[in-house]
Amino acid sequence: MQTLKPGKQRKMLYQAPDHKRHKHFGAHLSPELQASQKVKTLPVRSGDTVRVVRGDHKGFEGKVSRIDSNKYRLYIDGLTREKVDGSSIFVPVHPSKIVIKSLVLDDKWRKKIIERKRATHKKVEKAAEKPKREPVEIKREITEEKAEEKVKTEKAKEKKPSGRKKRALRKPKAADTKEKAVTKKEEKPKEKKARTKRKSAKKSEGGV
């Protein structure tokens, strides 16, 4: 679930289950550890030696004595401060302000996490090693005959009338249709009269 409202983001952070809280304790490894383990980040655990990188206690190194998953803080041996009454207490440090110098590899689950991350790192390295395919420049050589054919087709397209012009040529005008209809009407009765005259002549001849 993703949200842009800061109130909901805080609520999700402080009501998160343990398996999600564990991920918020991720910290960067030192360059030496990154080279040996081939892993960039891991969640901090008690027993790891860390170095503070930011804040008032920058440069302090020590072992992690305790981790507070409710407040998202960790406590380092030797990093303390005195109260007004004279008693000393540990200074809480956020995991984003430290770098892991050495790891505790007693836990089998942590070893599995490191192996999984190494496998993904190898896949990324292999993908980076593969040479990228260079774009092949395709050059099409057009012969003189093809060029002439292209010119002919373009000229033919220019000469051909468009769809509207074709329709206009197909459909006759209203004045022409009227004239044609009038001429047909005039021709028909003349033919009938000629036929009647022939019939009357034949009858007259027969009677005689």
N, C-alpha and C. Protein backbone atom coordinates (compact mmCIF):
# COMPACT_ATOMS: atom_id res chain seq x y z
N MET A 1 0.85 -1.20 0.00
CA MET A 1 0.00 0.00 0.00
C MET A 1 0.88 1.24 0.00
N GLN A 2 0.64 2.15 -0.91
CA GLN A 2 1.40 3.39 -0.99
C GLN A 2 0.46 4.56 -0.79
N THR A 3 0.94 5.56 -0.07
CA THR A 3 0.14 6.76 0.18
C THR A 3 1.06 7.98 0.25
N LEU A 4 0.50 9.15 -0.10
CA LEU A 4 1.25 10.40 -0.05
C LEU A 4 0.96 11.22 1.20
N LYS A 5 -0.02 10.78 1.98
CA LYS A 5 -0.37 11.53 3.19
C LYS A 5 0.63 11.21 4.31
N PRO A 6 1.26 12.24 4.91
CA PRO A 6 2.26 11.97 5.95
C PRO A 6 1.69 11.29 7.18
N GLY A 7 0.43 11.60 7.51
CA GLY A 7 -0.19 10.97 8.67
C GLY A 7 -0.32 9.46 8.49
N LYS A 8 -0.75 9.06 7.29
CA LYS A 8 -0.88 7.62 7.01
C LYS A 8 0.49 6.94 6.94
N GLN A 9 1.51 7.67 6.44
CA GLN A 9 2.86 7.12 6.38
C GLN A 9 3.40 6.85 7.79
N ARG A 10 3.17 7.79 8.71
CA ARG A 10 3.60 7.59 10.11
C ARG A 10 2.86 6.43 10.75
N LYS A 11 1.57 6.37 10.47
CA LYS A 11 0.76 5.28 11.04
C LYS A 11 1.27 3.92 10.57
N MET A 12 1.57 3.81 9.26
CA MET A 12 2.09 2.54 8.72
C MET A 12 3.46 2.21 9.31
N LEU A 13 4.27 3.24 9.59
CA LEU A 13 5.61 3.02 10.13
C LEU A 13 5.55 2.52 11.57
N TYR A 14 4.70 3.13 12.39
CA TYR A 14 4.65 2.80 13.82
C TYR A 14 3.70 1.66 14.14
N GLN A 15 2.92 1.20 13.16
CA GLN A 15 2.07 0.03 13.36
C GLN A 15 2.51 -1.14 12.49
N ALA A 16 3.74 -1.08 11.97
CA ALA A 16 4.24 -2.11 11.08
C ALA A 16 4.52 -3.41 11.84
N PRO A 17 4.31 -4.57 11.20
CA PRO A 17 4.66 -5.85 11.84
C PRO A 17 6.17 -6.05 11.89
N ASP A 18 6.59 -7.10 12.62
CA ASP A 18 8.03 -7.31 12.87
C ASP A 18 8.82 -7.57 11.59
N HIS A 19 8.24 -8.33 10.66
CA HIS A 19 8.99 -8.66 9.46
C HIS A 19 9.22 -7.43 8.57
N LYS A 20 8.37 -6.39 8.72
CA LYS A 20 8.59 -5.14 7.99
C LYS A 20 9.49 -4.19 8.79
N ARG A 21 9.41 -4.24 10.12
CA ARG A 21 10.28 -3.42 10.96
C ARG A 21 11.74 -3.82 10.77
N HIS A 22 11.97 -5.11 10.57
CA HIS A 22 13.33 -5.62 10.40
C HIS A 22 14.02 -4.97 9.20
N LYS A 23 13.26 -4.68 8.14
CA LYS A 23 13.83 -4.09 6.93
C LYS A 23 14.26 -2.64 7.17
N HIS A 24 13.62 -1.94 8.11
CA HIS A 24 13.97 -0.54 8.39
C HIS A 24 15.29 -0.41 9.14
N PHE A 25 15.87 -1.53 9.60
CA PHE A 25 17.15 -1.49 10.29
C PHE A 25 18.31 -1.73 9.32
N GLY A 26 18.06 -1.68 8.03
CA GLY A 26 19.12 -1.87 7.03
C GLY A 26 20.13 -0.73 7.07
N ALA A 27 21.42 -1.09 6.98
CA ALA A 27 22.50 -0.09 6.99
C ALA A 27 23.55 -0.51 5.97
N HIS A 28 24.33 0.47 5.48
CA HIS A 28 25.38 0.21 4.50
C HIS A 28 26.57 -0.49 5.17
N LEU A 29 27.21 -1.36 4.40
CA LEU A 29 28.45 -1.99 4.85
C LEU A 29 29.63 -1.10 4.47
N SER A 30 30.73 -1.28 5.17
CA SER A 30 31.94 -0.54 4.84
C SER A 30 32.49 -1.00 3.49
N PRO A 31 33.31 -0.20 2.83
CA PRO A 31 33.85 -0.60 1.52
C PRO A 31 34.61 -1.93 1.55
N GLU A 32 35.33 -2.21 2.65
CA GLU A 32 36.06 -3.48 2.77
C GLU A 32 35.10 -4.67 2.83
N LEU A 33 34.02 -4.51 3.60
CA LEU A 33 33.03 -5.58 3.71
C LEU A 33 32.28 -5.78 2.39
N GLN A 34 32.01 -4.69 1.72
CA GLN A 34 31.33 -4.78 0.42
C GLN A 34 32.17 -5.56 -0.59
N ALA A 35 33.49 -5.35 -0.55
CA ALA A 35 34.38 -6.06 -1.47
C ALA A 35 34.46 -7.55 -1.13
N SER A 36 34.48 -7.88 0.18
CA SER A 36 34.62 -9.28 0.59
C SER A 36 33.31 -10.05 0.49
N GLN A 37 32.23 -9.46 1.00
CA GLN A 37 30.93 -10.14 1.02
C GLN A 37 30.13 -9.93 -0.27
N LYS A 38 30.49 -8.90 -1.03
CA LYS A 38 29.75 -8.54 -2.25
C LYS A 38 28.27 -8.26 -1.97
N VAL A 39 28.08 -7.52 -0.89
CA VAL A 39 26.73 -7.10 -0.47
C VAL A 39 26.84 -5.65 -0.03
N LYS A 40 25.86 -4.82 -0.39
CA LYS A 40 25.93 -3.39 -0.07
C LYS A 40 25.25 -3.06 1.26
N THR A 41 24.10 -3.66 1.53
CA THR A 41 23.35 -3.33 2.75
C THR A 41 22.87 -4.60 3.44
N LEU A 42 22.74 -4.52 4.76
CA LEU A 42 22.19 -5.61 5.58
C LEU A 42 21.55 -5.01 6.82
N PRO A 43 20.54 -5.67 7.38
CA PRO A 43 19.96 -5.19 8.64
C PRO A 43 20.94 -5.35 9.81
N VAL A 44 21.01 -4.35 10.67
CA VAL A 44 21.92 -4.36 11.82
C VAL A 44 21.39 -5.33 12.87
N ARG A 45 22.34 -6.03 13.54
CA ARG A 45 21.99 -6.93 14.63
C ARG A 45 22.94 -6.70 15.80
N SER A 46 22.51 -7.15 16.94
CA SER A 46 23.36 -6.99 18.13
C SER A 46 24.60 -7.85 17.99
N GLY A 47 25.76 -7.27 18.29
CA GLY A 47 27.04 -7.95 18.12
C GLY A 47 27.84 -7.39 16.97
N ASP A 48 27.22 -6.70 16.02
CA ASP A 48 27.93 -6.09 14.89
C ASP A 48 28.71 -4.87 15.37
N THR A 49 29.90 -4.68 14.83
CA THR A 49 30.65 -3.46 15.12
C THR A 49 30.30 -2.42 14.06
N VAL A 50 29.94 -1.24 14.54
CA VAL A 50 29.47 -0.19 13.63
C VAL A 50 30.24 1.10 13.91
N ARG A 51 30.13 2.00 12.94
CA ARG A 51 30.75 3.33 13.08
C ARG A 51 29.71 4.38 12.75
N VAL A 52 29.60 5.39 13.59
CA VAL A 52 28.62 6.48 13.39
C VAL A 52 29.17 7.41 12.33
N VAL A 53 28.35 7.73 11.35
CA VAL A 53 28.80 8.52 10.20
C VAL A 53 28.25 9.94 10.26
N ARG A 54 27.09 10.13 10.87
CA ARG A 54 26.46 11.46 10.94
C ARG A 54 26.01 11.75 12.37
N GLY A 55 25.88 13.05 12.63
CA GLY A 55 25.37 13.47 13.93
C GLY A 55 26.45 13.99 14.85
N ASP A 56 26.08 14.20 16.12
CA ASP A 56 27.02 14.75 17.11
C ASP A 56 28.13 13.76 17.46
N HIS A 57 27.86 12.46 17.34
CA HIS A 57 28.83 11.43 17.72
C HIS A 57 29.50 10.82 16.48
N LYS A 58 29.71 11.64 15.47
CA LYS A 58 30.31 11.17 14.23
C LYS A 58 31.74 10.66 14.47
N GLY A 59 32.03 9.46 13.89
CA GLY A 59 33.35 8.86 14.04
C GLY A 59 33.44 7.84 15.16
N PHE A 60 32.43 7.71 16.00
CA PHE A 60 32.48 6.75 17.12
C PHE A 60 32.26 5.33 16.59
N GLU A 61 33.08 4.38 17.10
CA GLU A 61 32.98 2.97 16.72
C GLU A 61 32.75 2.13 17.96
N GLY A 62 31.96 1.06 17.76
CA GLY A 62 31.69 0.14 18.88
C GLY A 62 30.73 -0.95 18.46
N LYS A 63 30.52 -1.91 19.41
CA LYS A 63 29.61 -3.02 19.15
C LYS A 63 28.19 -2.62 19.52
N VAL A 64 27.26 -3.16 18.78
CA VAL A 64 25.84 -2.91 19.05
C VAL A 64 25.43 -3.79 20.22
N SER A 65 24.99 -3.16 21.31
CA SER A 65 24.59 -3.91 22.50
C SER A 65 23.11 -4.29 22.50
N ARG A 66 22.27 -3.38 22.00
CA ARG A 66 20.82 -3.64 22.04
C ARG A 66 20.14 -2.92 20.88
N ILE A 67 19.03 -3.51 20.42
CA ILE A 67 18.24 -2.91 19.35
C ILE A 67 16.81 -2.76 19.83
N ASP A 68 16.27 -1.56 19.68
CA ASP A 68 14.88 -1.28 20.07
C ASP A 68 14.04 -1.20 18.79
N SER A 69 13.29 -2.27 18.51
CA SER A 69 12.51 -2.32 17.27
C SER A 69 11.25 -1.46 17.35
N ASN A 70 10.79 -1.13 18.57
CA ASN A 70 9.60 -0.27 18.70
C ASN A 70 9.91 1.18 18.32
N LYS A 71 11.07 1.67 18.73
CA LYS A 71 11.45 3.06 18.47
C LYS A 71 12.40 3.21 17.27
N TYR A 72 12.75 2.11 16.62
CA TYR A 72 13.68 2.14 15.48
C TYR A 72 15.02 2.78 15.87
N ARG A 73 15.59 2.33 16.96
CA ARG A 73 16.86 2.84 17.45
C ARG A 73 17.75 1.68 17.89
N LEU A 74 19.07 1.91 17.88
CA LEU A 74 20.03 0.93 18.39
C LEU A 74 20.99 1.61 19.36
N TYR A 75 21.60 0.80 20.23
CA TYR A 75 22.48 1.32 21.28
C TYR A 75 23.84 0.65 21.16
N ILE A 76 24.89 1.50 21.21
CA ILE A 76 26.28 1.05 21.00
C ILE A 76 27.01 1.09 22.34
N ASP A 77 27.87 0.07 22.57
CA ASP A 77 28.67 0.03 23.80
C ASP A 77 29.63 1.21 23.84
N GLY A 78 29.60 1.94 24.95
CA GLY A 78 30.51 3.08 25.13
C GLY A 78 29.90 4.41 24.74
N LEU A 79 28.85 4.38 23.94
CA LEU A 79 28.21 5.64 23.52
C LEU A 79 27.13 5.99 24.54
N THR A 80 27.53 6.78 25.56
CA THR A 80 26.62 7.13 26.65
C THR A 80 26.67 8.64 26.89
N ARG A 81 25.75 9.10 27.71
CA ARG A 81 25.75 10.50 28.15
C ARG A 81 25.29 10.55 29.61
N GLU A 82 25.73 11.61 30.29
CA GLU A 82 25.40 11.76 31.72
C GLU A 82 24.14 12.58 31.88
N LYS A 83 23.32 12.17 32.80
CA LYS A 83 22.11 12.92 33.15
C LYS A 83 22.46 13.97 34.21
N VAL A 84 21.48 14.75 34.57
CA VAL A 84 21.70 15.82 35.55
C VAL A 84 22.02 15.25 36.92
N ASP A 85 21.39 14.11 37.23
CA ASP A 85 21.63 13.50 38.54
C ASP A 85 22.94 12.73 38.61
N GLY A 86 23.69 12.65 37.50
CA GLY A 86 25.00 11.99 37.48
C GLY A 86 24.99 10.61 36.88
N SER A 87 23.84 10.01 36.68
CA SER A 87 23.77 8.66 36.10
C SER A 87 24.00 8.74 34.58
N SER A 88 24.53 7.66 34.00
CA SER A 88 24.82 7.61 32.57
C SER A 88 23.82 6.68 31.87
N ILE A 89 23.43 7.08 30.67
CA ILE A 89 22.49 6.29 29.87
C ILE A 89 23.03 6.18 28.44
N PHE A 90 22.58 5.12 27.71
CA PHE A 90 22.99 4.95 26.32
C PHE A 90 22.31 5.99 25.42
N VAL A 91 23.05 6.42 24.41
CA VAL A 91 22.52 7.38 23.42
C VAL A 91 21.88 6.58 22.28
N PRO A 92 20.59 6.78 22.00
CA PRO A 92 19.96 6.05 20.88
C PRO A 92 20.43 6.59 19.52
N VAL A 93 20.68 5.68 18.60
CA VAL A 93 21.18 6.04 17.26
C VAL A 93 20.26 5.40 16.22
N HIS A 94 19.93 6.18 15.22
CA HIS A 94 19.10 5.63 14.11
C HIS A 94 19.98 4.80 13.17
N PRO A 95 19.45 3.70 12.61
CA PRO A 95 20.28 2.85 11.72
C PRO A 95 20.77 3.55 10.46
N SER A 96 20.13 4.63 10.04
CA SER A 96 20.58 5.34 8.83
C SER A 96 21.84 6.16 9.07
N LYS A 97 22.27 6.29 10.32
CA LYS A 97 23.43 7.12 10.65
C LYS A 97 24.69 6.31 10.90
N ILE A 98 24.66 5.01 10.59
CA ILE A 98 25.81 4.17 10.89
C ILE A 98 26.27 3.42 9.63
N VAL A 99 27.49 2.87 9.72
CA VAL A 99 28.06 1.98 8.71
C VAL A 99 28.57 0.75 9.43
N ILE A 100 28.25 -0.44 8.91
CA ILE A 100 28.66 -1.69 9.55
C ILE A 100 30.11 -1.99 9.17
N LYS A 101 30.95 -2.20 10.21
CA LYS A 101 32.37 -2.48 10.00
C LYS A 101 32.65 -3.99 9.98
N SER A 102 31.96 -4.75 10.83
CA SER A 102 32.13 -6.21 10.85
C SER A 102 30.80 -6.87 11.19
N LEU A 103 30.60 -8.08 10.66
CA LEU A 103 29.32 -8.79 10.79
C LEU A 103 29.46 -9.99 11.71
N VAL A 104 28.36 -10.36 12.34
CA VAL A 104 28.25 -11.59 13.11
C VAL A 104 27.53 -12.60 12.23
N LEU A 105 28.21 -13.68 11.86
CA LEU A 105 27.67 -14.67 10.92
C LEU A 105 27.33 -15.99 11.62
N ASP A 106 26.90 -15.91 12.88
CA ASP A 106 26.48 -17.12 13.59
C ASP A 106 25.09 -17.58 13.17
N ASP A 107 24.28 -16.66 12.69
CA ASP A 107 22.89 -16.97 12.35
C ASP A 107 22.82 -17.55 10.94
N LYS A 108 22.15 -18.73 10.81
CA LYS A 108 22.02 -19.36 9.48
C LYS A 108 21.12 -18.54 8.56
N TRP A 109 20.13 -17.84 9.13
CA TRP A 109 19.23 -17.03 8.30
C TRP A 109 19.97 -15.86 7.68
N ARG A 110 20.92 -15.32 8.40
CA ARG A 110 21.70 -14.20 7.87
C ARG A 110 22.62 -14.68 6.74
N LYS A 111 23.17 -15.88 6.89
CA LYS A 111 23.99 -16.44 5.83
C LYS A 111 23.18 -16.64 4.54
N LYS A 112 21.93 -17.09 4.69
CA LYS A 112 21.05 -17.29 3.53
C LYS A 112 20.76 -15.97 2.83
N ILE A 113 20.57 -14.92 3.63
CA ILE A 113 20.32 -13.58 3.06
C ILE A 113 21.52 -13.12 2.24
N ILE A 114 22.73 -13.34 2.79
CA ILE A 114 23.95 -12.92 2.10
C ILE A 114 24.13 -13.70 0.79
N GLU A 115 23.87 -15.02 0.84
CA GLU A 115 23.98 -15.85 -0.37
C GLU A 115 23.00 -15.41 -1.45
N ARG A 116 21.78 -15.10 -1.03
CA ARG A 116 20.77 -14.65 -2.00
C ARG A 116 21.18 -13.34 -2.65
N LYS A 117 21.71 -12.43 -1.84
CA LYS A 117 22.13 -11.13 -2.38
C LYS A 117 23.35 -11.27 -3.29
N ARG A 118 24.23 -12.22 -2.96
CA ARG A 118 25.39 -12.46 -3.83
C ARG A 118 24.93 -12.96 -5.20
N ALA A 119 23.95 -13.86 -5.19
CA ALA A 119 23.45 -14.41 -6.46
C ALA A 119 22.88 -13.31 -7.34
N THR A 120 22.12 -12.40 -6.74
CA THR A 120 21.57 -11.29 -7.52
C THR A 120 22.67 -10.36 -8.02
N HIS A 121 23.70 -10.17 -7.18
CA HIS A 121 24.84 -9.32 -7.57
C HIS A 121 25.58 -9.91 -8.77
N LYS A 122 25.74 -11.25 -8.79
CA LYS A 122 26.40 -11.92 -9.91
C LYS A 122 25.60 -11.76 -11.19
N LYS A 123 24.28 -11.86 -11.08
CA LYS A 123 23.42 -11.69 -12.25
C LYS A 123 23.56 -10.30 -12.83
N VAL A 124 23.64 -9.31 -11.95
CA VAL A 124 23.80 -7.92 -12.40
C VAL A 124 25.15 -7.73 -13.09
N GLU A 125 26.20 -8.34 -12.53
CA GLU A 125 27.54 -8.23 -13.13
C GLU A 125 27.59 -8.87 -14.51
N LYS A 126 26.95 -10.04 -14.63
CA LYS A 126 26.93 -10.72 -15.93
C LYS A 126 26.20 -9.89 -16.98
N ALA A 127 25.08 -9.28 -16.56
CA ALA A 127 24.34 -8.44 -17.48
C ALA A 127 25.15 -7.22 -17.90
N ALA A 128 25.97 -6.68 -16.99
CA ALA A 128 26.80 -5.51 -17.32
C ALA A 128 27.97 -5.90 -18.23
N GLU A 129 28.49 -7.13 -18.08
CA GLU A 129 29.62 -7.57 -18.90
C GLU A 129 29.25 -7.80 -20.36
N LYS A 130 28.00 -8.17 -20.61
CA LYS A 130 27.58 -8.45 -21.98
C LYS A 130 27.71 -7.18 -22.83
N PRO A 131 28.36 -7.29 -24.00
CA PRO A 131 28.51 -6.09 -24.84
C PRO A 131 27.18 -5.69 -25.45
N LYS A 132 26.96 -4.41 -25.47
CA LYS A 132 25.73 -3.89 -26.05
C LYS A 132 25.79 -3.96 -27.57
N ARG A 133 24.69 -4.30 -28.14
CA ARG A 133 24.62 -4.39 -29.59
C ARG A 133 24.62 -2.99 -30.21
N GLU A 134 25.59 -2.80 -31.10
CA GLU A 134 25.67 -1.50 -31.77
C GLU A 134 24.61 -1.43 -32.88
N PRO A 135 23.98 -0.30 -33.04
CA PRO A 135 22.96 -0.18 -34.09
C PRO A 135 23.56 -0.27 -35.48
N VAL A 136 23.02 -1.15 -36.28
CA VAL A 136 23.52 -1.37 -37.65
C VAL A 136 22.87 -0.34 -38.57
N GLU A 137 23.71 0.36 -39.30
CA GLU A 137 23.21 1.36 -40.24
C GLU A 137 22.81 0.67 -41.54
N ILE A 138 21.53 0.73 -41.85
CA ILE A 138 20.99 0.12 -43.07
C ILE A 138 20.96 1.19 -44.15
N LYS A 139 21.68 0.91 -45.23
CA LYS A 139 21.72 1.84 -46.36
C LYS A 139 21.04 1.19 -47.56
N ARG A 140 19.98 1.78 -48.00
CA ARG A 140 19.23 1.26 -49.14
C ARG A 140 19.63 2.04 -50.40
N GLU A 141 20.19 1.31 -51.34
CA GLU A 141 20.59 1.93 -52.61
C GLU A 141 19.44 1.80 -53.60
N ILE A 142 18.95 2.93 -54.07
CA ILE A 142 17.84 2.96 -55.04
C ILE A 142 18.41 3.08 -56.44
N THR A 143 18.04 2.17 -57.30
CA THR A 143 18.51 2.20 -58.69
C THR A 143 17.74 3.26 -59.48
N GLU A 144 18.22 3.50 -60.69
CA GLU A 144 17.57 4.50 -61.54
C GLU A 144 16.17 4.06 -61.96
N GLU A 145 16.00 2.75 -62.17
CA GLU A 145 14.68 2.24 -62.57
C GLU A 145 13.65 2.46 -61.46
N LYS A 146 14.04 2.16 -60.24
CA LYS A 146 13.13 2.34 -59.10
C LYS A 146 12.77 3.81 -58.93
N ALA A 147 13.77 4.66 -59.13
CA ALA A 147 13.51 6.10 -59.01
C ALA A 147 12.52 6.56 -60.08
N GLU A 148 12.67 6.05 -61.31
CA GLU A 148 11.73 6.41 -62.38
C GLU A 148 10.32 5.90 -62.06
N GLU A 149 10.23 4.67 -61.54
CA GLU A 149 8.92 4.13 -61.17
C GLU A 149 8.25 4.99 -60.10
N LYS A 150 9.03 5.42 -59.14
CA LYS A 150 8.49 6.28 -58.08
C LYS A 150 7.95 7.58 -58.66
N VAL A 151 8.70 8.16 -59.58
CA VAL A 151 8.26 9.42 -60.21
C VAL A 151 6.97 9.20 -60.98
N LYS A 152 6.87 8.07 -61.70
CA LYS A 152 5.66 7.77 -62.47
C LYS A 152 4.45 7.60 -61.57
N THR A 153 4.62 6.87 -60.49
CA THR A 153 3.50 6.65 -59.55
C THR A 153 3.04 7.95 -58.93
N GLU A 154 3.99 8.82 -58.58
CA GLU A 154 3.63 10.13 -58.00
C GLU A 154 2.85 10.97 -59.00
N LYS A 155 3.28 10.93 -60.28
CA LYS A 155 2.56 11.69 -61.31
C LYS A 155 1.16 11.13 -61.53
N ALA A 156 1.04 9.80 -61.51
CA ALA A 156 -0.27 9.16 -61.68
C ALA A 156 -1.21 9.54 -60.54
N LYS A 157 -0.68 9.59 -59.34
CA LYS A 157 -1.49 9.99 -58.19
C LYS A 157 -1.97 11.42 -58.33
N GLU A 158 -1.09 12.28 -58.82
CA GLU A 158 -1.47 13.69 -59.00
C GLU A 158 -2.55 13.84 -60.06
N LYS A 159 -2.48 13.05 -61.13
CA LYS A 159 -3.46 13.15 -62.22
C LYS A 159 -4.82 12.59 -61.81
N LYS A 160 -4.81 11.54 -61.01
CA LYS A 160 -6.08 10.93 -60.63
C LYS A 160 -6.90 11.91 -59.80
N PRO A 161 -8.22 12.04 -60.13
CA PRO A 161 -9.04 12.95 -59.34
C PRO A 161 -9.34 12.39 -57.97
N SER A 162 -9.65 13.27 -57.08
CA SER A 162 -9.96 12.84 -55.71
C SER A 162 -11.36 12.23 -55.65
N GLY A 163 -11.75 11.79 -54.45
CA GLY A 163 -13.06 11.15 -54.28
C GLY A 163 -14.21 12.06 -54.60
N ARG A 164 -14.13 13.33 -54.19
CA ARG A 164 -15.21 14.28 -54.46
C ARG A 164 -15.34 14.57 -55.96
N LYS A 165 -14.18 14.69 -56.63
CA LYS A 165 -14.22 14.96 -58.07
C LYS A 165 -14.83 13.79 -58.83
N LYS A 166 -14.51 12.56 -58.37
CA LYS A 166 -15.08 11.38 -59.01
C LYS A 166 -16.60 11.37 -58.87
N ARG A 167 -17.07 11.68 -57.67
CA ARG A 167 -18.52 11.73 -57.44
C ARG A 167 -19.18 12.77 -58.33
N ALA A 168 -18.52 13.92 -58.42
CA ALA A 168 -19.07 15.00 -59.25
C ALA A 168 -19.13 14.58 -60.72
N LEU A 169 -18.13 13.82 -61.15
CA LEU A 169 -18.15 13.36 -62.54
C LEU A 169 -19.22 12.30 -62.79
N ARG A 170 -19.43 11.46 -61.77
CA ARG A 170 -20.41 10.40 -61.92
C ARG A 170 -21.83 10.94 -61.93
N LYS A 171 -22.14 11.80 -60.99
CA LYS A 171 -23.50 12.31 -60.84
C LYS A 171 -23.78 13.43 -61.85
N PRO A 172 -24.78 13.29 -62.73
CA PRO A 172 -25.10 14.39 -63.67
C PRO A 172 -25.83 15.51 -62.94
N LYS A 173 -25.79 16.68 -63.53
CA LYS A 173 -26.45 17.83 -62.93
C LYS A 173 -27.96 17.73 -63.09
N ALA A 174 -28.68 18.47 -62.25
CA ALA A 174 -30.14 18.42 -62.25
C ALA A 174 -30.72 18.96 -63.55
N ALA A 175 -30.14 20.01 -64.12
CA ALA A 175 -30.64 20.61 -65.36
C ALA A 175 -30.53 19.62 -66.52
N ASP A 176 -29.41 18.89 -66.58
CA ASP A 176 -29.23 17.88 -67.64
C ASP A 176 -30.26 16.78 -67.55
N THR A 177 -30.55 16.32 -66.32
CA THR A 177 -31.55 15.25 -66.14
C THR A 177 -32.93 15.70 -66.60
N LYS A 178 -33.28 16.94 -66.30
CA LYS A 178 -34.60 17.47 -66.72
C LYS A 178 -34.70 17.52 -68.25
N GLU A 179 -33.65 17.99 -68.90
CA GLU A 179 -33.64 18.08 -70.36
C GLU A 179 -33.79 16.70 -71.00
N LYS A 180 -33.07 15.73 -70.42
CA LYS A 180 -33.15 14.37 -70.95
C LYS A 180 -34.54 13.79 -70.79
N ALA A 181 -35.17 14.05 -69.65
CA ALA A 181 -36.53 13.53 -69.39
C ALA A 181 -37.52 14.15 -70.38
N VAL A 182 -37.38 15.42 -70.67
CA VAL A 182 -38.28 16.12 -71.61
C VAL A 182 -38.14 15.53 -73.02
N THR A 183 -36.91 15.29 -73.43
CA THR A 183 -36.67 14.74 -74.78
C THR A 183 -37.25 13.34 -74.91
N LYS A 184 -37.14 12.53 -73.85
CA LYS A 184 -37.71 11.18 -73.89
C LYS A 184 -39.22 11.23 -74.03
N LYS A 185 -39.88 12.15 -73.28
CA LYS A 185 -41.33 12.28 -73.35
C LYS A 185 -41.78 12.72 -74.75
N GLU A 186 -41.03 13.61 -75.33
CA GLU A 186 -41.39 14.10 -76.67
C GLU A 186 -41.24 13.00 -77.74
N GLU A 187 -40.21 12.17 -77.58
CA GLU A 187 -39.97 11.13 -78.57
C GLU A 187 -40.98 10.00 -78.53
N LYS A 188 -41.43 9.63 -77.35
CA LYS A 188 -42.35 8.50 -77.19
C LYS A 188 -43.68 8.69 -77.95
N PRO A 189 -44.42 9.80 -77.77
CA PRO A 189 -45.69 9.95 -78.49
C PRO A 189 -45.54 9.96 -80.00
N LYS A 190 -44.45 10.46 -80.53
CA LYS A 190 -44.23 10.44 -81.99
C LYS A 190 -44.20 9.01 -82.50
N GLU A 191 -43.51 8.15 -81.75
CA GLU A 191 -43.43 6.75 -82.15
C GLU A 191 -44.81 6.11 -82.13
N LYS A 192 -45.60 6.43 -81.12
CA LYS A 192 -46.96 5.88 -81.04
C LYS A 192 -47.80 6.31 -82.23
N LYS A 193 -47.71 7.60 -82.59
CA LYS A 193 -48.48 8.12 -83.72
C LYS A 193 -48.07 7.41 -85.02
N ALA A 194 -46.78 7.17 -85.16
CA ALA A 194 -46.32 6.48 -86.37
C ALA A 194 -46.88 5.07 -86.44
N ARG A 195 -46.94 4.40 -85.30
CA ARG A 195 -47.47 3.04 -85.25
C ARG A 195 -48.96 3.03 -85.59
N THR A 196 -49.71 3.99 -85.04
CA THR A 196 -51.16 4.07 -85.32
C THR A 196 -51.42 4.32 -86.80
N LYS A 197 -50.60 5.14 -87.42
CA LYS A 197 -50.76 5.42 -88.86
C LYS A 197 -50.52 4.16 -89.67
N ARG A 198 -49.52 3.36 -89.28
CA ARG A 198 -49.24 2.13 -90.00
C ARG A 198 -50.41 1.15 -89.88
N LYS A 199 -50.94 1.06 -88.66
CA LYS A 199 -52.08 0.16 -88.44
C LYS A 199 -53.30 0.57 -89.27
N SER A 200 -53.59 1.87 -89.29
CA SER A 200 -54.76 2.36 -90.05
C SER A 200 -54.58 2.12 -91.55
N ALA A 201 -53.35 2.23 -92.03
CA ALA A 201 -53.08 1.99 -93.46
C ALA A 201 -53.28 0.54 -93.81
N LYS A 202 -52.83 -0.34 -92.92
CA LYS A 202 -53.01 -1.77 -93.14
C LYS A 202 -54.49 -2.15 -93.18
N LYS A 203 -55.27 -1.59 -92.25
CA LYS A 203 -56.69 -1.85 -92.20
C LYS A 203 -57.41 -1.40 -93.50
N SER A 204 -57.06 -0.22 -93.89
CA SER A 204 -57.65 0.35 -95.12
C SER A 204 -57.33 -0.52 -96.31
N GLU A 205 -56.13 -1.02 -96.38
CA GLU A 205 -55.74 -1.89 -97.49
C GLU A 205 -56.49 -3.22 -97.46
N GLY A 206 -56.68 -3.74 -96.24
CA GLY A 206 -57.40 -5.01 -96.10
C GLY A 206 -58.87 -4.86 -96.47
N GLY A 207 -59.46 -3.76 -96.08
CA GLY A 207 -60.87 -3.52 -96.37
C GLY A 207 -61.12 -3.38 -97.84
N VAL A 208 -60.19 -2.77 -98.49
CA VAL A 208 -60.35 -2.54 -99.91
C VAL A 208 -60.24 -3.86 -100.64
